[in-house]
């Protein structure tokens, strides 16, 4: 029930004007319900997936430092969701988009992230990220478009 309410609030927020204070309020309410859903059912993949989606959405209303800090939590919840349900295509796509967004960060933003959150980034994480992208490639259909998009991700990560 908490997860359904969070998803309904997110859908309502998506219908609002992007600059609307109502949109921010709805997304934050949805995040509150998703947080409660994760606490109530930590073994449910969908709870972690929607918590990550909503926490990422809240980043649109904060500053760069908050987005960077939240991005590590978003990634962890997507990974937990995949651990609980490894065949969930939506979670795999969302995690791929997370990697794409990180790879697309500007030089200045990457330097700020490295300075502020240096302990979160390591060679082990980069190795794991590369393996994750390789695993994604194995799950993609043999379409040229999918392989092309993934190759762009790999290039950005490496």
C-alpha atoms as a PDB file:
ATOM      1  CA  UNK A   1       0.000   0.000   0.000  1.00  0.00           C
ATOM      2  CA  UNK A   2       2.819   2.423   0.843  1.00  0.00           C
ATOM      3  CA  UNK A   3       4.516   1.673  -2.447  1.00  0.00           C
ATOM      4  CA  UNK A   4       1.318   2.168  -4.427  1.00  0.00           C
ATOM      5  CA  UNK A   5       0.771   5.516  -2.753  1.00  0.00           C
ATOM      6  CA  UNK A   6       4.354   6.561  -3.511  1.00  0.00           C
ATOM      7  CA  UNK A   7       3.953   5.590  -7.172  1.00  0.00           C
ATOM      8  CA  UNK A   8       0.606   7.404  -7.442  1.00  0.00           C
ATOM      9  CA  UNK A   9       2.120  10.568  -5.950  1.00  0.00           C
ATOM     10  CA  UNK A  10       5.048  10.351  -8.390  1.00  0.00           C
ATOM     11  CA  UNK A  11       2.640  10.000 -11.297  1.00  0.00           C
ATOM     12  CA  UNK A  12       0.702  13.035 -10.081  1.00  0.00           C
ATOM     13  CA  UNK A  13       3.947  14.979  -9.670  1.00  0.00           C
ATOM     14  CA  UNK A  14       4.969  14.117 -13.232  1.00  0.00           C
ATOM     15  CA  UNK A  15       1.771  15.795 -14.456  1.00  0.00           C
ATOM     16  CA  UNK A  16       2.700  19.071 -12.717  1.00  0.00           C
ATOM     17  CA  UNK A  17       4.718  21.912 -14.199  1.00  0.00           C
ATOM     18  CA  UNK A  18       8.459  21.209 -13.632  1.00  0.00           C
ATOM     19  CA  UNK A  19       8.953  24.493 -11.731  1.00  0.00           C
ATOM     20  CA  UNK A  20       5.814  24.087  -9.630  1.00  0.00           C
ATOM     21  CA  UNK A  21       6.222  23.948  -5.834  1.00  0.00           C
ATOM     22  CA  UNK A  22       3.408  21.390  -5.869  1.00  0.00           C
ATOM     23  CA  UNK A  23       5.600  19.031  -7.891  1.00  0.00           C
ATOM     24  CA  UNK A  24       8.375  19.185  -5.295  1.00  0.00           C
ATOM     25  CA  UNK A  25       5.912  18.639  -2.469  1.00  0.00           C
ATOM     26  CA  UNK A  26       4.373  15.600  -4.200  1.00  0.00           C
ATOM     27  CA  UNK A  27       7.780  14.052  -4.939  1.00  0.00           C
ATOM     28  CA  UNK A  28       8.908  14.575  -1.336  1.00  0.00           C
ATOM     29  CA  UNK A  29       5.668  12.998  -0.041  1.00  0.00           C
ATOM     30  CA  UNK A  30       6.204  10.062  -2.387  1.00  0.00           C
ATOM     31  CA  UNK A  31       9.765   9.672  -1.109  1.00  0.00           C
ATOM     32  CA  UNK A  32       8.480   9.608   2.475  1.00  0.00           C
ATOM     33  CA  UNK A  33       6.136   6.745   1.589  1.00  0.00           C
ATOM     34  CA  UNK A  34       8.852   4.895  -0.343  1.00  0.00           C
ATOM     35  CA  UNK A  35      11.197   5.250   2.651  1.00  0.00           C
ATOM     36  CA  UNK A  36       8.523   3.720   4.870  1.00  0.00           C
ATOM     37  CA  UNK A  37       7.983   0.929   2.316  1.00  0.00           C
ATOM     38  CA  UNK A  38      11.708   0.045   2.373  1.00  0.00           C
ATOM     39  CA  UNK A  39      11.680   0.026   6.180  1.00  0.00           C
ATOM     40  CA  UNK A  40       8.532  -2.122   6.250  1.00  0.00           C
ATOM     41  CA  UNK A  41       9.581  -4.576   3.501  1.00  0.00           C
ATOM     42  CA  UNK A  42      13.377  -4.494   2.998  1.00  0.00           C
ATOM     43  CA  UNK A  43      13.293  -7.765   1.069  1.00  0.00           C
ATOM     44  CA  UNK A  44      11.045  -6.429  -1.705  1.00  0.00           C
ATOM     45  CA  UNK A  45      12.856  -5.342  -4.857  1.00  0.00           C
ATOM     46  CA  UNK A  46      10.182  -2.851  -5.938  1.00  0.00           C
ATOM     47  CA  UNK A  47      10.523  -0.920  -2.669  1.00  0.00           C
ATOM     48  CA  UNK A  48      14.235  -0.344  -3.268  1.00  0.00           C
ATOM     49  CA  UNK A  49      13.674   0.473  -6.946  1.00  0.00           C
ATOM     50  CA  UNK A  50      11.029   3.116  -6.244  1.00  0.00           C
ATOM     51  CA  UNK A  51      12.973   4.565  -3.334  1.00  0.00           C
ATOM     52  CA  UNK A  52      15.934   5.045  -5.692  1.00  0.00           C
ATOM     53  CA  UNK A  53      13.757   6.542  -8.427  1.00  0.00           C
ATOM     54  CA  UNK A  54      12.143   8.975  -6.016  1.00  0.00           C
ATOM     55  CA  UNK A  55      15.392   9.950  -4.295  1.00  0.00           C
ATOM     56  CA  UNK A  56      16.817  10.689  -7.733  1.00  0.00           C
ATOM     57  CA  UNK A  57      13.756  12.797  -8.521  1.00  0.00           C
ATOM     58  CA  UNK A  58      14.206  14.819  -5.331  1.00  0.00           C
ATOM     59  CA  UNK A  59      17.678  15.733  -6.602  1.00  0.00           C
ATOM     60  CA  UNK A  60      16.079  17.977  -9.224  1.00  0.00           C
ATOM     61  CA  UNK A  61      15.038  20.338  -6.424  1.00  0.00           C
ATOM     62  CA  UNK A  62      18.369  20.510  -4.553  1.00  0.00           C
ATOM     63  CA  UNK A  63      21.879  21.669  -5.210  1.00  0.00           C
ATOM     64  CA  UNK A  64      24.734  19.833  -6.882  1.00  0.00           C
ATOM     65  CA  UNK A  65      26.285  18.632  -3.610  1.00  0.00           C
ATOM     66  CA  UNK A  66      22.970  17.118  -2.516  1.00  0.00           C
ATOM     67  CA  UNK A  67      22.535  15.397  -5.900  1.00  0.00           C
ATOM     68  CA  UNK A  68      26.015  13.892  -5.677  1.00  0.00           C
ATOM     69  CA  UNK A  69      25.484  12.716  -2.101  1.00  0.00           C
ATOM     70  CA  UNK A  70      22.113  11.181  -2.967  1.00  0.00           C
ATOM     71  CA  UNK A  71      23.469   9.542  -6.114  1.00  0.00           C
ATOM     72  CA  UNK A  72      25.472   7.034  -4.073  1.00  0.00           C
ATOM     73  CA  UNK A  73      22.354   6.081  -2.116  1.00  0.00           C
ATOM     74  CA  UNK A  74      20.361   5.817  -5.357  1.00  0.00           C
ATOM     75  CA  UNK A  75      22.956   3.450  -6.791  1.00  0.00           C
ATOM     76  CA  UNK A  76      22.986   1.282  -3.665  1.00  0.00           C
ATOM     77  CA  UNK A  77      19.210   0.887  -3.742  1.00  0.00           C
ATOM     78  CA  UNK A  78      19.191   0.037  -7.445  1.00  0.00           C
ATOM     79  CA  UNK A  79      21.858  -2.579  -6.745  1.00  0.00           C
ATOM     80  CA  UNK A  80      19.838  -3.974  -3.839  1.00  0.00           C
ATOM     81  CA  UNK A  81      16.750  -4.124  -6.063  1.00  0.00           C
ATOM     82  CA  UNK A  82      18.762  -6.042  -8.674  1.00  0.00           C
ATOM     83  CA  UNK A  83      20.108  -8.389  -6.029  1.00  0.00           C
ATOM     84  CA  UNK A  84      16.534  -9.180  -4.969  1.00  0.00           C
ATOM     85  CA  UNK A  85      15.198  -9.415  -8.539  1.00  0.00           C
ATOM     86  CA  UNK A  86      18.022  -9.756 -11.086  1.00  0.00           C
ATOM     87  CA  UNK A  87      15.659  -9.970 -14.077  1.00  0.00           C
ATOM     88  CA  UNK A  88      13.816  -6.674 -13.519  1.00  0.00           C
ATOM     89  CA  UNK A  89      14.298  -4.788 -16.780  1.00  0.00           C
ATOM     90  CA  UNK A  90      13.160  -1.452 -15.311  1.00  0.00           C
ATOM     91  CA  UNK A  91      15.778  -1.583 -12.575  1.00  0.00           C
ATOM     92  CA  UNK A  92      18.482  -2.575 -15.039  1.00  0.00           C
ATOM     93  CA  UNK A  93      17.500   0.311 -17.296  1.00  0.00           C
ATOM     94  CA  UNK A  94      17.417   2.776 -14.384  1.00  0.00           C
ATOM     95  CA  UNK A  95      20.843   1.632 -13.202  1.00  0.00           C
ATOM     96  CA  UNK A  96      22.169   1.973 -16.740  1.00  0.00           C
ATOM     97  CA  UNK A  97      20.783   5.497 -16.837  1.00  0.00           C
ATOM     98  CA  UNK A  98      22.499   6.187 -13.503  1.00  0.00           C
ATOM     99  CA  UNK A  99      25.829   5.144 -15.017  1.00  0.00           C
ATOM    100  CA  UNK A 100      25.111   7.242 -18.095  1.00  0.00           C
ATOM    101  CA  UNK A 101      24.372  10.317 -15.968  1.00  0.00           C
ATOM    102  CA  UNK A 102      27.540   9.830 -13.926  1.00  0.00           C
ATOM    103  CA  UNK A 103      29.608   9.367 -17.074  1.00  0.00           C
ATOM    104  CA  UNK A 104      28.051  12.519 -18.548  1.00  0.00           C
ATOM    105  CA  UNK A 105      28.972  14.783 -15.627  1.00  0.00           C
ATOM    106  CA  UNK A 106      30.980  17.836 -16.508  1.00  0.00           C
ATOM    107  CA  UNK A 107      34.662  17.971 -15.613  1.00  0.00           C
ATOM    108  CA  UNK A 108      34.011  20.561 -12.878  1.00  0.00           C
ATOM    109  CA  UNK A 109      31.227  18.509 -11.304  1.00  0.00           C
ATOM    110  CA  UNK A 110      33.386  15.359 -11.348  1.00  0.00           C
ATOM    111  CA  UNK A 111      36.232  17.241  -9.652  1.00  0.00           C
ATOM    112  CA  UNK A 112      33.856  18.605  -7.025  1.00  0.00           C
ATOM    113  CA  UNK A 113      32.476  15.130  -6.406  1.00  0.00           C
ATOM    114  CA  UNK A 114      35.978  13.702  -6.112  1.00  0.00           C
ATOM    115  CA  UNK A 115      36.991  16.399  -3.637  1.00  0.00           C
ATOM    116  CA  UNK A 116      33.878  16.273  -1.495  1.00  0.00           C
ATOM    117  CA  UNK A 117      33.134  12.565  -1.635  1.00  0.00           C
ATOM    118  CA  UNK A 118      36.540  11.008  -2.319  1.00  0.00           C
ATOM    119  CA  UNK A 119      35.918   8.051  -0.026  1.00  0.00           C
ATOM    120  CA  UNK A 120      32.952   6.920  -2.125  1.00  0.00           C
ATOM    121  CA  UNK A 121      34.962   6.444  -5.307  1.00  0.00           C
ATOM    122  CA  UNK A 122      37.611   3.788  -5.700  1.00  0.00           C
ATOM    123  CA  UNK A 123      39.331   1.557  -8.235  1.00  0.00           C
ATOM    124  CA  UNK A 124      37.280  -1.369  -6.908  1.00  0.00           C
ATOM    125  CA  UNK A 125      34.048   0.502  -7.707  1.00  0.00           C
ATOM    126  CA  UNK A 126      35.306   1.294 -11.216  1.00  0.00           C
ATOM    127  CA  UNK A 127      36.178  -2.385 -11.752  1.00  0.00           C
ATOM    128  CA  UNK A 128      32.751  -3.419 -10.509  1.00  0.00           C
ATOM    129  CA  UNK A 129      31.100  -0.807 -12.742  1.00  0.00           C
ATOM    130  CA  UNK A 130      32.881  -2.208 -15.787  1.00  0.00           C
ATOM    131  CA  UNK A 131      31.732  -5.748 -14.925  1.00  0.00           C
ATOM    132  CA  UNK A 132      28.176  -4.459 -14.444  1.00  0.00           C
ATOM    133  CA  UNK A 133      28.179  -2.873 -17.904  1.00  0.00           C
ATOM    134  CA  UNK A 134      29.536  -6.125 -19.384  1.00  0.00           C
ATOM    135  CA  UNK A 135      26.737  -8.032 -17.685  1.00  0.00           C
ATOM    136  CA  UNK A 136      24.206  -5.539 -19.082  1.00  0.00           C
ATOM    137  CA  UNK A 137      25.610  -6.145 -22.567  1.00  0.00           C
ATOM    138  CA  UNK A 138      24.963  -9.867 -22.207  1.00  0.00           C
ATOM    139  CA  UNK A 139      21.312  -9.199 -21.350  1.00  0.00           C
ATOM    140  CA  UNK A 140      20.622  -6.798 -24.210  1.00  0.00           C
ATOM    141  CA  UNK A 141      18.925  -7.973 -27.367  1.00  0.00           C
ATOM    142  CA  UNK A 142      21.230  -8.108 -30.356  1.00  0.00           C
ATOM    143  CA  UNK A 143      20.043  -4.748 -31.651  1.00  0.00           C
ATOM    144  CA  UNK A 144      22.566  -2.318 -33.030  1.00  0.00           C
ATOM    145  CA  UNK A 145      20.944   0.574 -31.174  1.00  0.00           C
ATOM    146  CA  UNK A 146      21.201  -1.146 -27.784  1.00  0.00           C
ATOM    147  CA  UNK A 147      24.806  -2.205 -28.301  1.00  0.00           C
ATOM    148  CA  UNK A 148      25.697   1.267 -29.578  1.00  0.00           C
ATOM    149  CA  UNK A 149      24.187   2.980 -26.520  1.00  0.00           C
ATOM    150  CA  UNK A 150      25.981   0.579 -24.192  1.00  0.00           C
ATOM    151  CA  UNK A 151      29.302   1.112 -25.965  1.00  0.00           C
ATOM    152  CA  UNK A 152      28.933   4.834 -25.287  1.00  0.00           C
ATOM    153  CA  UNK A 153      28.477   4.025 -21.576  1.00  0.00           C
ATOM    154  CA  UNK A 154      31.557   1.811 -21.511  1.00  0.00           C
ATOM    155  CA  UNK A 155      33.615   4.508 -23.228  1.00  0.00           C
ATOM    156  CA  UNK A 156      32.493   7.106 -20.698  1.00  0.00           C
ATOM    157  CA  UNK A 157      33.168   4.847 -17.673  1.00  0.00           C
ATOM    158  CA  UNK A 158      36.611   3.748 -18.835  1.00  0.00           C
END
